[in-house]
Amino acid sequence: MRTFWTVLGVIAAVVIAWVLVDVVFSVVWFLVKALIVAVVAVVVFFVLRSLVRRNAVDR
């Protein structure tokens, strides 16, 4: 009976570890995507600002 509980404990540990790793990777991937979006948004903002400023000077 002791072996049964050991096997059950190992299976439970693997399932819990699988879920935890999945959650951690999901959070990390979300943070990386958010950082990339923020960098691209800043670049686009400055490009648009320079285009608007250039058009305002031409008039």
N, C-alpha and C. Protein backbone atom coordinates (compact mmCIF):
# COMPACT_ATOMS: atom_id res chain seq x y z
N MET A 1 0.82 -1.20 0.00
CA MET A 1 0.00 0.00 0.00
C MET A 1 0.87 1.26 0.00
N ARG A 2 2.06 1.13 0.60
CA ARG A 2 2.97 2.28 0.65
C ARG A 2 3.42 2.68 -0.76
N THR A 3 3.66 1.69 -1.61
CA THR A 3 4.08 1.96 -2.99
C THR A 3 2.97 2.68 -3.75
N PHE A 4 1.74 2.32 -3.49
CA PHE A 4 0.61 2.97 -4.14
C PHE A 4 0.59 4.46 -3.83
N TRP A 5 0.77 4.82 -2.56
CA TRP A 5 0.75 6.23 -2.17
C TRP A 5 1.96 6.98 -2.74
N THR A 6 3.08 6.27 -2.85
CA THR A 6 4.26 6.88 -3.45
C THR A 6 4.01 7.21 -4.92
N VAL A 7 3.46 6.25 -5.64
CA VAL A 7 3.15 6.46 -7.06
C VAL A 7 2.11 7.57 -7.21
N LEU A 8 1.10 7.57 -6.38
CA LEU A 8 0.08 8.61 -6.43
C LEU A 8 0.68 9.99 -6.13
N GLY A 9 1.60 10.04 -5.16
CA GLY A 9 2.28 11.30 -4.84
C GLY A 9 3.13 11.80 -5.98
N VAL A 10 3.81 10.90 -6.66
CA VAL A 10 4.64 11.28 -7.81
C VAL A 10 3.77 11.81 -8.94
N ILE A 11 2.67 11.16 -9.21
CA ILE A 11 1.75 11.61 -10.26
C ILE A 11 1.18 12.98 -9.91
N ALA A 12 0.78 13.16 -8.66
CA ALA A 12 0.25 14.46 -8.23
C ALA A 12 1.32 15.55 -8.35
N ALA A 13 2.55 15.24 -7.99
CA ALA A 13 3.64 16.21 -8.08
C ALA A 13 3.90 16.62 -9.53
N VAL A 14 3.86 15.65 -10.43
CA VAL A 14 4.08 15.95 -11.85
C VAL A 14 2.95 16.81 -12.40
N VAL A 15 1.72 16.50 -12.05
CA VAL A 15 0.58 17.29 -12.53
C VAL A 15 0.64 18.72 -11.99
N ILE A 16 0.94 18.88 -10.70
CA ILE A 16 1.03 20.22 -10.11
C ILE A 16 2.18 20.99 -10.75
N ALA A 17 3.32 20.35 -10.94
CA ALA A 17 4.47 21.02 -11.58
C ALA A 17 4.13 21.43 -13.01
N TRP A 18 3.42 20.57 -13.73
CA TRP A 18 3.03 20.88 -15.12
C TRP A 18 2.16 22.14 -15.16
N VAL A 19 1.19 22.21 -14.27
CA VAL A 19 0.30 23.37 -14.22
C VAL A 19 1.06 24.63 -13.83
N LEU A 20 1.93 24.53 -12.83
CA LEU A 20 2.70 25.70 -12.40
C LEU A 20 3.62 26.21 -13.51
N VAL A 21 4.30 25.30 -14.19
CA VAL A 21 5.19 25.71 -15.28
C VAL A 21 4.38 26.35 -16.40
N ASP A 22 3.21 25.81 -16.71
CA ASP A 22 2.35 26.37 -17.75
C ASP A 22 1.92 27.80 -17.38
N VAL A 23 1.54 28.00 -16.13
CA VAL A 23 1.12 29.34 -15.69
C VAL A 23 2.29 30.31 -15.73
N VAL A 24 3.45 29.89 -15.26
CA VAL A 24 4.62 30.78 -15.24
C VAL A 24 5.01 31.17 -16.67
N PHE A 25 5.05 30.21 -17.58
CA PHE A 25 5.40 30.53 -18.96
C PHE A 25 4.36 31.43 -19.61
N SER A 26 3.09 31.25 -19.29
CA SER A 26 2.05 32.11 -19.84
C SER A 26 2.23 33.54 -19.35
N VAL A 27 2.53 33.71 -18.07
CA VAL A 27 2.73 35.06 -17.53
C VAL A 27 3.98 35.70 -18.13
N VAL A 28 5.04 34.94 -18.23
CA VAL A 28 6.29 35.49 -18.80
C VAL A 28 6.07 35.87 -20.27
N TRP A 29 5.39 35.03 -21.04
CA TRP A 29 5.13 35.34 -22.45
C TRP A 29 4.26 36.58 -22.57
N PHE A 30 3.27 36.74 -21.69
CA PHE A 30 2.43 37.93 -21.70
C PHE A 30 3.27 39.18 -21.42
N LEU A 31 4.17 39.11 -20.46
CA LEU A 31 5.01 40.26 -20.14
C LEU A 31 5.95 40.61 -21.29
N VAL A 32 6.50 39.59 -21.95
CA VAL A 32 7.38 39.84 -23.10
C VAL A 32 6.59 40.49 -24.23
N LYS A 33 5.38 39.98 -24.51
CA LYS A 33 4.55 40.58 -25.56
C LYS A 33 4.18 42.01 -25.20
N ALA A 34 3.84 42.27 -23.95
CA ALA A 34 3.49 43.63 -23.52
C ALA A 34 4.68 44.57 -23.68
N LEU A 35 5.88 44.10 -23.38
CA LEU A 35 7.08 44.92 -23.55
C LEU A 35 7.33 45.23 -25.02
N ILE A 36 7.18 44.23 -25.87
CA ILE A 36 7.38 44.44 -27.31
C ILE A 36 6.35 45.43 -27.84
N VAL A 37 5.09 45.30 -27.43
CA VAL A 37 4.04 46.22 -27.86
C VAL A 37 4.35 47.64 -27.40
N ALA A 38 4.84 47.79 -26.18
CA ALA A 38 5.18 49.12 -25.66
C ALA A 38 6.30 49.76 -26.48
N VAL A 39 7.32 49.00 -26.82
CA VAL A 39 8.44 49.53 -27.61
C VAL A 39 7.96 49.93 -29.00
N VAL A 40 7.16 49.09 -29.63
CA VAL A 40 6.64 49.40 -30.97
C VAL A 40 5.73 50.63 -30.91
N ALA A 41 4.92 50.75 -29.87
CA ALA A 41 4.03 51.90 -29.73
C ALA A 41 4.83 53.19 -29.58
N VAL A 42 5.92 53.16 -28.83
CA VAL A 42 6.76 54.35 -28.69
C VAL A 42 7.38 54.73 -30.03
N VAL A 43 7.87 53.77 -30.76
CA VAL A 43 8.47 54.05 -32.08
C VAL A 43 7.42 54.64 -33.02
N VAL A 44 6.24 54.04 -33.07
CA VAL A 44 5.17 54.54 -33.94
C VAL A 44 4.76 55.95 -33.52
N PHE A 45 4.69 56.20 -32.22
CA PHE A 45 4.33 57.52 -31.73
C PHE A 45 5.32 58.57 -32.24
N PHE A 46 6.61 58.31 -32.11
CA PHE A 46 7.60 59.29 -32.55
C PHE A 46 7.61 59.45 -34.07
N VAL A 47 7.37 58.38 -34.81
CA VAL A 47 7.28 58.49 -36.27
C VAL A 47 6.09 59.35 -36.66
N LEU A 48 4.93 59.08 -36.06
CA LEU A 48 3.75 59.89 -36.36
C LEU A 48 3.95 61.35 -35.96
N ARG A 49 4.57 61.57 -34.83
CA ARG A 49 4.81 62.94 -34.38
C ARG A 49 5.74 63.68 -35.34
N SER A 50 6.77 63.00 -35.86
CA SER A 50 7.66 63.66 -36.80
C SER A 50 6.96 63.92 -38.13
N LEU A 51 6.07 63.02 -38.55
CA LEU A 51 5.32 63.24 -39.79
C LEU A 51 4.36 64.43 -39.65
N VAL A 52 3.68 64.51 -38.52
CA VAL A 52 2.76 65.63 -38.30
C VAL A 52 3.53 66.94 -38.22
N ARG A 53 4.64 66.94 -37.53
CA ARG A 53 5.46 68.14 -37.40
C ARG A 53 5.99 68.58 -38.77
N ARG A 54 6.41 67.62 -39.59
CA ARG A 54 6.92 67.93 -40.93
C ARG A 54 5.82 68.54 -41.80
N ASN A 55 4.60 67.96 -41.71
CA ASN A 55 3.49 68.51 -42.49
C ASN A 55 3.10 69.89 -42.01
N ALA A 56 3.20 70.15 -40.74
CA ALA A 56 2.87 71.47 -40.20
C ALA A 56 3.88 72.50 -40.65
N VAL A 57 5.15 72.12 -40.78
CA VAL A 57 6.20 73.05 -41.23
C VAL A 57 6.04 73.34 -42.71
N ASP A 58 5.61 72.38 -43.51
CA ASP A 58 5.45 72.57 -44.96
C ASP A 58 4.34 73.56 -45.29
N ARG A 59 3.38 73.70 -44.44
CA ARG A 59 2.24 74.58 -44.74
C ARG A 59 2.56 76.01 -44.56
